[in-house]
Amino acid sequence: MATPAARIPFRQAFRNERQAAAARPPRTPLTIRAARFLARRLPRWSTIRTAALSVSGFGLITAAAWHLHTVAGLAAAGVSLLILEALSGGERR
């Protein structure tokens, strides 16, 4: 327990703590940190959009060919995969 001489009034202790808190730099919210991390790590939105539209487009073409005949669906799937491989730049030089 503190001695009476070492005690400071409540008002003074409160002011000291408020000044100490004001001197600290403000904290960055977790959502802002996550957004900055993802902005550095993820590819650009145009790249993601192009990939998603290409894959879904070829998938729909394959599904339509599959409804015509199984062999046509398999052929469309093979051609779609070959085209996607060419578009993705699978072989780097």
C-alpha atoms as a PDB file:
ATOM      1  CA  MET A   1       0.000   0.000   0.000  1.00  0.00           C
ATOM      2  CA  ALA A   2       1.279   3.456  -0.859  1.00  0.00           C
ATOM      3  CA  THR A   3       2.160   5.890   1.860  1.00  0.00           C
ATOM      4  CA  PRO A   4       0.027   9.037   2.178  1.00  0.00           C
ATOM      5  CA  ALA A   5       2.903  11.236   0.988  1.00  0.00           C
ATOM      6  CA  ALA A   6       3.186   9.254  -2.277  1.00  0.00           C
ATOM      7  CA  ARG A   7      -0.513   9.580  -3.124  1.00  0.00           C
ATOM      8  CA  ILE A   8      -1.574  11.970  -5.818  1.00  0.00           C
ATOM      9  CA  PRO A   9      -5.106  13.259  -6.258  1.00  0.00           C
ATOM     10  CA  PHE A  10      -7.454  11.369  -8.551  1.00  0.00           C
ATOM     11  CA  ARG A  11      -7.795  14.361 -10.857  1.00  0.00           C
ATOM     12  CA  GLN A  12      -4.026  14.613 -11.361  1.00  0.00           C
ATOM     13  CA  ALA A  13      -3.660  10.860 -11.986  1.00  0.00           C
ATOM     14  CA  PHE A  14      -6.478  11.015 -14.530  1.00  0.00           C
ATOM     15  CA  ARG A  15      -4.860  13.949 -16.356  1.00  0.00           C
ATOM     16  CA  ASN A  16      -1.480  12.200 -16.401  1.00  0.00           C
ATOM     17  CA  GLU A  17      -2.968   9.061 -17.948  1.00  0.00           C
ATOM     18  CA  ARG A  18      -4.917  11.059 -20.534  1.00  0.00           C
ATOM     19  CA  GLN A  19      -1.745  12.901 -21.562  1.00  0.00           C
ATOM     20  CA  ALA A  20       0.133   9.623 -21.833  1.00  0.00           C
ATOM     21  CA  ALA A  21      -2.655   8.164 -23.985  1.00  0.00           C
ATOM     22  CA  ALA A  22      -2.673  11.236 -26.237  1.00  0.00           C
ATOM     23  CA  ALA A  23       1.083  10.981 -26.734  1.00  0.00           C
ATOM     24  CA  ARG A  24       0.807   7.423 -28.144  1.00  0.00           C
ATOM     25  CA  PRO A  25       0.312   7.152 -31.901  1.00  0.00           C
ATOM     26  CA  PRO A  26      -3.224   6.154 -32.910  1.00  0.00           C
ATOM     27  CA  ARG A  27      -3.841   2.461 -33.547  1.00  0.00           C
ATOM     28  CA  THR A  28      -4.614   1.306 -37.072  1.00  0.00           C
ATOM     29  CA  PRO A  29      -7.830  -0.748 -37.279  1.00  0.00           C
ATOM     30  CA  LEU A  30      -7.475  -4.424 -38.160  1.00  0.00           C
ATOM     31  CA  THR A  31      -9.639  -4.049 -41.274  1.00  0.00           C
ATOM     32  CA  ILE A  32      -7.304  -1.373 -42.635  1.00  0.00           C
ATOM     33  CA  ARG A  33      -4.278  -3.579 -41.953  1.00  0.00           C
ATOM     34  CA  ALA A  34      -5.962  -6.521 -43.694  1.00  0.00           C
ATOM     35  CA  ALA A  35      -6.895  -4.391 -46.709  1.00  0.00           C
ATOM     36  CA  ARG A  36      -3.341  -3.107 -47.058  1.00  0.00           C
ATOM     37  CA  PHE A  37      -1.947  -6.646 -46.788  1.00  0.00           C
ATOM     38  CA  LEU A  38      -4.356  -7.985 -49.417  1.00  0.00           C
ATOM     39  CA  ALA A  39      -3.654  -5.038 -51.729  1.00  0.00           C
ATOM     40  CA  ARG A  40       0.030  -5.944 -51.689  1.00  0.00           C
ATOM     41  CA  ARG A  41      -0.486  -9.708 -52.100  1.00  0.00           C
ATOM     42  CA  LEU A  42      -3.436 -10.191 -54.463  1.00  0.00           C
ATOM     43  CA  PRO A  43      -3.348  -9.606 -58.221  1.00  0.00           C
ATOM     44  CA  ARG A  44      -5.210  -6.659 -59.686  1.00  0.00           C
ATOM     45  CA  TRP A  45      -8.965  -6.784 -60.015  1.00  0.00           C
ATOM     46  CA  SER A  46      -8.821  -6.771 -63.825  1.00  0.00           C
ATOM     47  CA  THR A  47      -6.710  -9.936 -63.734  1.00  0.00           C
ATOM     48  CA  ILE A  48      -9.111 -11.672 -61.351  1.00  0.00           C
ATOM     49  CA  ARG A  49     -12.113 -10.575 -63.422  1.00  0.00           C
ATOM     50  CA  THR A  50     -10.567 -11.805 -66.674  1.00  0.00           C
ATOM     51  CA  ALA A  51      -9.694 -15.179 -65.167  1.00  0.00           C
ATOM     52  CA  ALA A  52     -13.161 -15.660 -63.654  1.00  0.00           C
ATOM     53  CA  LEU A  53     -14.961 -14.704 -66.848  1.00  0.00           C
ATOM     54  CA  SER A  54     -12.728 -16.912 -68.993  1.00  0.00           C
ATOM     55  CA  VAL A  55     -13.138 -19.964 -66.789  1.00  0.00           C
ATOM     56  CA  SER A  56     -16.899 -19.535 -66.447  1.00  0.00           C
ATOM     57  CA  GLY A  57     -17.315 -18.879 -70.176  1.00  0.00           C
ATOM     58  CA  PHE A  58     -15.427 -21.995 -71.169  1.00  0.00           C
ATOM     59  CA  GLY A  59     -17.331 -23.948 -68.532  1.00  0.00           C
ATOM     60  CA  LEU A  60     -20.656 -22.883 -69.996  1.00  0.00           C
ATOM     61  CA  ILE A  61     -19.530 -23.759 -73.522  1.00  0.00           C
ATOM     62  CA  THR A  62     -18.433 -27.177 -72.280  1.00  0.00           C
ATOM     63  CA  ALA A  63     -21.760 -27.702 -70.476  1.00  0.00           C
ATOM     64  CA  ALA A  64     -23.691 -26.790 -73.614  1.00  0.00           C
ATOM     65  CA  ALA A  65     -21.623 -29.203 -75.713  1.00  0.00           C
ATOM     66  CA  TRP A  66     -22.076 -31.908 -73.070  1.00  0.00           C
ATOM     67  CA  HIS A  67     -25.859 -31.604 -73.403  1.00  0.00           C
ATOM     68  CA  LEU A  68     -25.549 -32.265 -77.119  1.00  0.00           C
ATOM     69  CA  HIS A  69     -23.434 -35.403 -76.738  1.00  0.00           C
ATOM     70  CA  THR A  70     -20.870 -36.814 -74.323  1.00  0.00           C
ATOM     71  CA  VAL A  71     -18.116 -36.894 -76.944  1.00  0.00           C
ATOM     72  CA  ALA A  72     -18.798 -33.269 -77.890  1.00  0.00           C
ATOM     73  CA  GLY A  73     -18.632 -32.293 -74.209  1.00  0.00           C
ATOM     74  CA  LEU A  74     -15.302 -34.065 -73.708  1.00  0.00           C
ATOM     75  CA  ALA A  75     -13.896 -32.454 -76.842  1.00  0.00           C
ATOM     76  CA  ALA A  76     -15.078 -28.999 -75.752  1.00  0.00           C
ATOM     77  CA  ALA A  77     -13.559 -29.524 -72.288  1.00  0.00           C
ATOM     78  CA  GLY A  78     -10.222 -30.521 -73.803  1.00  0.00           C
ATOM     79  CA  VAL A  79     -10.155 -27.559 -76.147  1.00  0.00           C
ATOM     80  CA  SER A  80     -11.196 -25.223 -73.308  1.00  0.00           C
ATOM     81  CA  LEU A  81      -8.357 -26.456 -71.112  1.00  0.00           C
ATOM     82  CA  LEU A  82      -5.836 -26.041 -73.921  1.00  0.00           C
ATOM     83  CA  ILE A  83      -7.027 -22.487 -74.570  1.00  0.00           C
ATOM     84  CA  LEU A  84      -6.945 -21.624 -70.851  1.00  0.00           C
ATOM     85  CA  GLU A  85      -3.399 -22.975 -70.632  1.00  0.00           C
ATOM     86  CA  ALA A  86      -2.357 -20.789 -73.565  1.00  0.00           C
ATOM     87  CA  LEU A  87      -4.071 -17.746 -72.055  1.00  0.00           C
ATOM     88  CA  SER A  88      -2.492 -18.258 -68.642  1.00  0.00           C
ATOM     89  CA  GLY A  89       0.995 -18.200 -70.116  1.00  0.00           C
ATOM     90  CA  GLY A  90       1.880 -21.629 -68.766  1.00  0.00           C
ATOM     91  CA  GLU A  91       5.210 -21.818 -70.594  1.00  0.00           C
ATOM     92  CA  ARG A  92       7.373 -18.847 -69.578  1.00  0.00           C
ATOM     93  CA  ARG A  93      10.480 -18.015 -71.580  1.00  0.00           C
END
